């Protein structure tokens, strides 16, 4: 059954994604040519050239090989998989096994990174990985844009004066970094929230797996975010748009929205939305044979 991908626009950015805890997480930003995690590689993200894998759990990384293998069928070039250096060797081994199975390798580049090692994806755009608190070698990612800004000492000068300065070889502009979209993957609350690329992102994609009070211990053991953490998170970040991901199927989105309203300051409610803004479709159940009659039901 195909993944039911949600399509929406948040903070000026188009998102296409699906995220249910333990089942599948994949979030694409087609206009930025970046995808966060791959789930089972739904067709909507195959054309995206840059795939960022937060960690190796199956619901986030199962579709890597399929993603790389399918790009040739749509006329796309070799895809790039950006992943923690300690996990890159495992993905390379996986691709080697699939090459043996299929009889030929799937074109693709595995970009092995450590936290803080930027990956440039175009002249004015880069991906910045950062460490989060979840599984071994887990990463979050920020898409950061570089922009020109007139130096303060030249403010108020006319265009003619600025042109004259440039002809003299004087730099009149600085490059500034603007974090556009940040994805935290699976994680507990951590120091990464204080990084400028996280704290100042225009859109922050962050998980909230558990909503019931009796599941607080499960959240802590599994290093996930509980709804009672959201107030603290919002107090530490400046992001105008916060998109909740990775809710479990046990929590209906309508109920989750009501719980969030009670968990945060009223002034923060409008900052929050959910990637999965409607109940997910039920997976089609496979037929089961009756143990006594053999009839299929």
Protein backbone atom coordinates (compact mmCIF):
# COMPACT_ATOMS: atom_id res chain seq x y z
CA UNK A 1 0.00 0.00 0.00
CA UNK A 2 1.52 3.40 -0.96
CA UNK A 3 2.47 5.83 1.75
CA UNK A 4 -0.15 8.52 2.29
CA UNK A 5 2.02 11.62 1.94
CA UNK A 6 0.82 14.89 3.42
CA UNK A 7 1.46 17.99 1.32
CA UNK A 8 1.46 21.42 2.89
CA UNK A 9 3.18 24.78 2.94
CA UNK A 10 4.79 26.08 6.13
CA UNK A 11 6.73 29.32 6.46
CA UNK A 12 6.96 29.66 2.71
CA UNK A 13 8.35 26.14 2.20
CA UNK A 14 6.59 23.22 0.54
CA UNK A 15 6.65 20.05 2.63
CA UNK A 16 5.70 16.58 1.48
CA UNK A 17 5.92 13.94 4.17
CA UNK A 18 4.69 11.15 6.35
CA UNK A 19 5.73 10.47 9.93
CA UNK A 20 4.33 7.89 12.32
CA UNK A 21 6.50 6.63 15.17
CA UNK A 22 7.77 3.11 14.57
CA UNK A 23 6.26 2.92 11.07
CA UNK A 24 7.80 5.45 8.72
CA UNK A 25 9.31 8.94 8.66
CA UNK A 26 10.14 10.78 5.43
CA UNK A 27 9.94 14.55 4.90
CA UNK A 28 10.82 16.14 1.58
CA UNK A 29 11.38 19.77 0.65
CA UNK A 30 11.27 19.61 -3.15
CA UNK A 31 11.98 23.32 -3.70
CA UNK A 32 15.18 23.07 -1.63
CA UNK A 33 16.11 19.69 -3.18
CA UNK A 34 16.48 18.12 0.28
CA UNK A 35 14.79 15.19 2.00
CA UNK A 36 15.01 14.32 5.69
CA UNK A 37 14.98 10.55 6.25
CA UNK A 38 13.63 8.17 3.64
CA UNK A 39 11.08 5.87 5.27
CA UNK A 40 10.31 3.27 2.60
CA UNK A 41 11.26 5.67 -0.23
CA UNK A 42 7.84 6.81 -1.47
CA UNK A 43 7.82 7.95 -5.09
CA UNK A 44 7.41 11.63 -4.18
CA UNK A 45 10.97 11.89 -2.84
CA UNK A 46 12.83 9.90 -5.53
CA UNK A 47 13.57 13.04 -7.65
CA UNK A 48 15.15 14.87 -4.66
CA UNK A 49 18.95 14.84 -4.98
CA UNK A 50 20.02 15.22 -1.34
CA UNK A 51 18.85 12.68 1.24
CA UNK A 52 19.74 13.28 4.92
CA UNK A 53 19.51 10.20 7.15
CA UNK A 54 19.18 11.04 10.85
CA UNK A 55 19.87 7.54 12.20
CA UNK A 56 19.76 3.90 11.23
CA UNK A 57 16.41 2.77 12.63
CA UNK A 58 14.39 0.95 10.01
CA UNK A 59 11.41 3.33 10.01
CA UNK A 60 13.75 6.18 9.05
CA UNK A 61 16.31 4.49 6.79
CA UNK A 62 14.80 1.35 5.22
CA UNK A 63 14.37 2.87 1.77
CA UNK A 64 17.94 4.07 1.11
CA UNK A 65 18.78 1.35 -1.42
CA UNK A 66 15.43 1.71 -3.20
CA UNK A 67 15.82 5.49 -3.38
CA UNK A 68 19.21 5.20 -5.08
CA UNK A 69 18.14 2.40 -7.42
CA UNK A 70 14.98 4.13 -8.65
CA UNK A 71 16.49 7.45 -9.68
CA UNK A 72 17.74 6.10 -12.99
CA UNK A 73 14.22 5.13 -14.00
CA UNK A 74 13.09 8.76 -13.82
CA UNK A 75 16.16 10.14 -15.58
CA UNK A 76 17.73 11.58 -12.43
CA UNK A 77 21.44 11.49 -11.72
CA UNK A 78 23.11 9.67 -8.86
CA UNK A 79 21.57 10.61 -5.52
CA UNK A 80 23.53 11.76 -2.49
CA UNK A 81 22.95 10.22 0.96
CA UNK A 82 24.24 12.37 3.83
CA UNK A 83 24.75 10.32 6.99
CA UNK A 84 26.94 10.16 10.09
CA UNK A 85 30.44 8.88 9.36
CA UNK A 86 30.00 5.94 11.74
CA UNK A 87 26.94 4.75 9.81
CA UNK A 88 28.21 5.50 6.30
CA UNK A 89 30.24 2.28 6.15
CA UNK A 90 27.09 0.27 6.94
CA UNK A 91 25.16 1.93 4.12
CA UNK A 92 28.07 1.22 1.76
CA UNK A 93 28.01 -2.42 2.80
CA UNK A 94 24.26 -2.52 2.26
CA UNK A 95 24.62 -1.11 -1.25
CA UNK A 96 27.36 -3.62 -2.03
CA UNK A 97 25.05 -6.48 -1.02
CA UNK A 98 22.27 -5.12 -3.21
CA UNK A 99 24.74 -4.81 -6.10
CA UNK A 100 25.50 -8.52 -5.69
CA UNK A 101 21.79 -9.37 -5.58
CA UNK A 102 20.81 -7.26 -8.59
CA UNK A 103 23.98 -7.88 -10.58
CA UNK A 104 24.91 -4.22 -10.87
CA UNK A 105 25.50 -1.30 -8.48
CA UNK A 106 23.02 1.53 -8.02
CA UNK A 107 24.66 4.90 -8.76
CA UNK A 108 24.91 7.08 -5.71
CA UNK A 109 27.23 8.93 -3.38
CA UNK A 110 27.41 8.34 0.37
CA UNK A 111 28.47 11.59 2.06
CA UNK A 112 29.98 10.68 5.44
CA UNK A 113 29.77 13.59 7.90
CA UNK A 114 30.32 14.48 11.53
CA UNK A 115 28.38 17.13 13.47
CA UNK A 116 29.29 20.59 12.21
CA UNK A 117 30.67 19.43 8.86
CA UNK A 118 28.71 21.41 6.27
CA UNK A 119 27.67 19.92 2.94
CA UNK A 120 27.21 22.50 0.18
CA UNK A 121 24.31 21.72 -2.14
CA UNK A 122 24.46 24.92 -4.20
CA UNK A 123 26.36 28.19 -4.09
CA UNK A 124 24.05 29.81 -1.55
CA UNK A 125 22.71 26.72 0.28
CA UNK A 126 24.23 24.15 2.60
CA UNK A 127 23.20 21.36 4.93
CA UNK A 128 24.60 21.52 8.48
CA UNK A 129 24.46 18.32 10.57
CA UNK A 130 24.36 18.46 14.36
CA UNK A 131 24.30 15.84 17.11
CA UNK A 132 21.02 14.93 18.80
CA UNK A 133 20.23 12.67 21.76
CA UNK A 134 18.82 9.41 20.44
CA UNK A 135 20.42 6.32 18.90
CA UNK A 136 24.11 5.87 18.19
CA UNK A 137 25.43 8.48 15.76
CA UNK A 138 22.06 10.24 15.48
CA UNK A 139 22.01 13.57 13.67
CA UNK A 140 19.70 16.46 12.99
CA UNK A 141 20.09 18.69 9.93
CA UNK A 142 19.63 22.37 9.09
CA UNK A 143 19.24 23.79 5.61
CA UNK A 144 21.12 27.10 5.78
CA UNK A 145 21.05 29.84 3.15
CA UNK A 146 23.86 32.38 2.65
CA UNK A 147 22.71 35.89 1.81
CA UNK A 148 24.41 39.19 1.01
CA UNK A 149 23.92 42.04 3.47
CA UNK A 150 25.24 45.56 3.12
CA UNK A 151 27.92 46.34 5.69
CA UNK A 152 26.70 48.66 8.43
CA UNK A 153 29.30 51.34 7.63
CA UNK A 154 27.84 51.73 4.13
CA UNK A 155 24.22 52.12 5.18
CA UNK A 156 22.64 55.25 3.72
CA UNK A 157 25.09 55.62 0.84
CA UNK A 158 23.70 56.09 -2.63
CA UNK A 159 23.89 53.50 -5.35
CA UNK A 160 26.48 55.60 -7.17
CA UNK A 161 28.66 55.74 -4.07
CA UNK A 162 28.39 51.97 -3.58
CA UNK A 163 29.38 51.32 -7.17
CA UNK A 164 32.40 53.59 -6.73
CA UNK A 165 33.48 51.66 -3.64
CA UNK A 166 33.20 48.36 -5.48
CA UNK A 167 35.35 49.73 -8.31
CA UNK A 168 38.00 50.52 -5.70
CA UNK A 169 37.95 46.87 -4.63
CA UNK A 170 36.25 47.62 -1.33
CA UNK A 171 33.95 44.91 0.01
CA UNK A 172 30.60 46.52 0.72
CA UNK A 173 28.65 43.39 1.71
CA UNK A 174 28.88 40.59 4.26
CA UNK A 175 27.63 37.05 3.88
CA UNK A 176 25.11 36.13 6.55
CA UNK A 177 23.63 32.73 7.33
CA UNK A 178 19.87 32.22 7.48
CA UNK A 179 18.67 28.81 8.73
CA UNK A 180 15.60 28.02 6.66
CA UNK A 181 14.41 24.60 7.83
CA UNK A 182 15.77 22.40 10.62
CA UNK A 183 14.94 18.75 11.23
CA UNK A 184 15.80 17.18 14.59
CA UNK A 185 15.02 13.55 13.77
CA UNK A 186 14.29 11.34 16.76
CA UNK A 187 15.67 12.83 19.95
CA UNK A 188 15.21 13.80 23.55
CA UNK A 189 15.55 17.43 24.60
CA UNK A 190 19.21 18.42 24.35
CA UNK A 191 21.81 21.15 24.03
CA UNK A 192 21.37 21.16 20.25
CA UNK A 193 18.33 23.42 20.79
CA UNK A 194 20.76 26.24 21.62
CA UNK A 195 22.59 26.04 18.27
CA UNK A 196 21.83 29.10 16.10
CA UNK A 197 20.90 26.88 13.14
CA UNK A 198 18.25 25.23 15.33
CA UNK A 199 17.14 28.07 17.56
CA UNK A 200 16.73 30.57 14.71
CA UNK A 201 15.31 28.32 11.99
CA UNK A 202 12.32 29.63 10.09
CA UNK A 203 10.72 26.17 10.31
CA UNK A 204 11.61 23.60 12.97
CA UNK A 205 10.58 19.98 12.44
CA UNK A 206 10.69 18.25 15.80
CA UNK A 207 9.29 15.00 17.10
CA UNK A 208 6.79 14.54 19.90
CA UNK A 209 6.26 10.82 20.21
CA UNK A 210 4.40 10.52 23.52
CA UNK A 211 1.32 12.39 24.74
CA UNK A 212 -0.04 10.30 27.62
CA UNK A 213 1.26 11.04 31.11
CA UNK A 214 1.80 7.36 31.84
CA UNK A 215 4.22 7.21 28.89
CA UNK A 216 6.67 9.76 30.30
CA UNK A 217 9.02 7.00 31.48
CA UNK A 218 8.91 5.37 28.04
CA UNK A 219 9.86 8.68 26.46
CA UNK A 220 12.86 9.05 28.75
CA UNK A 221 14.08 5.48 28.26
CA UNK A 222 13.70 5.67 24.48
CA UNK A 223 15.17 9.19 24.33
CA UNK A 224 12.10 10.71 22.72
CA UNK A 225 10.21 13.93 23.37
CA UNK A 226 7.11 13.89 25.56
CA UNK A 227 4.43 16.54 25.23
CA UNK A 228 5.41 17.92 28.64
CA UNK A 229 8.77 18.91 27.08
CA UNK A 230 7.22 21.17 24.45
CA UNK A 231 6.84 24.22 26.70
CA UNK A 232 10.58 24.15 27.51
CA UNK A 233 11.49 23.70 23.84
CA UNK A 234 9.39 26.65 22.74
CA UNK A 235 11.01 28.79 25.42
CA UNK A 236 14.49 28.01 24.07
CA UNK A 237 13.89 28.64 20.38
CA UNK A 238 12.89 31.62 18.24
CA UNK A 239 11.39 29.61 15.36
CA UNK A 240 8.08 31.10 14.17
CA UNK A 241 6.93 27.74 12.78
CA UNK A 242 7.23 24.47 14.72
CA UNK A 243 6.00 21.30 13.01
CA UNK A 244 5.40 18.24 15.19
CA UNK A 245 6.39 14.87 13.72
CA UNK A 246 6.66 11.22 14.84
CA UNK A 247 3.38 11.00 16.76
CA UNK A 248 2.34 7.40 17.43
CA UNK A 249 -0.72 5.86 15.83
CA UNK A 250 -2.24 5.52 19.31
CA UNK A 251 -2.69 9.32 19.48
CA UNK A 252 -5.33 10.78 17.19
CA UNK A 253 -4.13 14.08 15.65
CA UNK A 254 -7.24 15.89 16.89
CA UNK A 255 -6.57 14.76 20.44
CA UNK A 256 -2.88 15.66 20.10
CA UNK A 257 -3.78 19.22 19.11
CA UNK A 258 -6.00 19.60 22.16
CA UNK A 259 -3.28 18.26 24.46
CA UNK A 260 -0.71 20.63 22.94
CA UNK A 261 -3.00 23.61 23.57
CA UNK A 262 -3.11 22.75 27.25
CA UNK A 263 0.65 22.05 27.43
CA UNK A 264 2.00 25.38 26.12
CA UNK A 265 1.49 29.09 26.68
CA UNK A 266 -1.51 30.46 24.75
CA UNK A 267 0.81 32.81 22.86
CA UNK A 268 2.70 29.81 21.44
CA UNK A 269 -0.27 27.80 20.17
CA UNK A 270 -0.25 29.41 16.73
CA UNK A 271 3.42 28.56 16.24
CA UNK A 272 2.66 24.84 16.30
CA UNK A 273 1.27 22.58 13.60
CA UNK A 274 1.38 18.86 12.86
CA UNK A 275 2.89 17.20 9.81
CA UNK A 276 0.19 14.53 10.09
CA UNK A 277 -2.82 16.80 10.37
CA UNK A 278 -5.41 14.10 9.85
CA UNK A 279 -5.78 10.50 11.04
CA UNK A 280 -3.51 8.14 9.06
CA UNK A 281 -5.08 5.51 6.88
CA UNK A 282 -5.21 2.04 8.29
CA UNK A 283 -2.79 -0.37 6.69
CA UNK A 284 -4.58 -3.07 4.75
CA UNK A 285 -4.51 -6.27 6.77
CA UNK A 286 -3.24 -9.42 5.15
CA UNK A 287 -5.73 -12.32 4.92
CA UNK A 288 -5.45 -14.83 7.76
CA UNK A 289 -6.25 -18.52 7.45
CA UNK A 290 -8.48 -20.06 10.12
CA UNK A 291 -6.44 -22.63 12.03
CA UNK A 292 -9.29 -25.18 12.16
CA UNK A 293 -11.08 -24.86 8.81
CA UNK A 294 -8.37 -23.47 6.55
CA UNK A 295 -10.76 -20.77 5.32
CA UNK A 296 -9.16 -17.42 4.54
CA UNK A 297 -10.71 -14.45 6.32
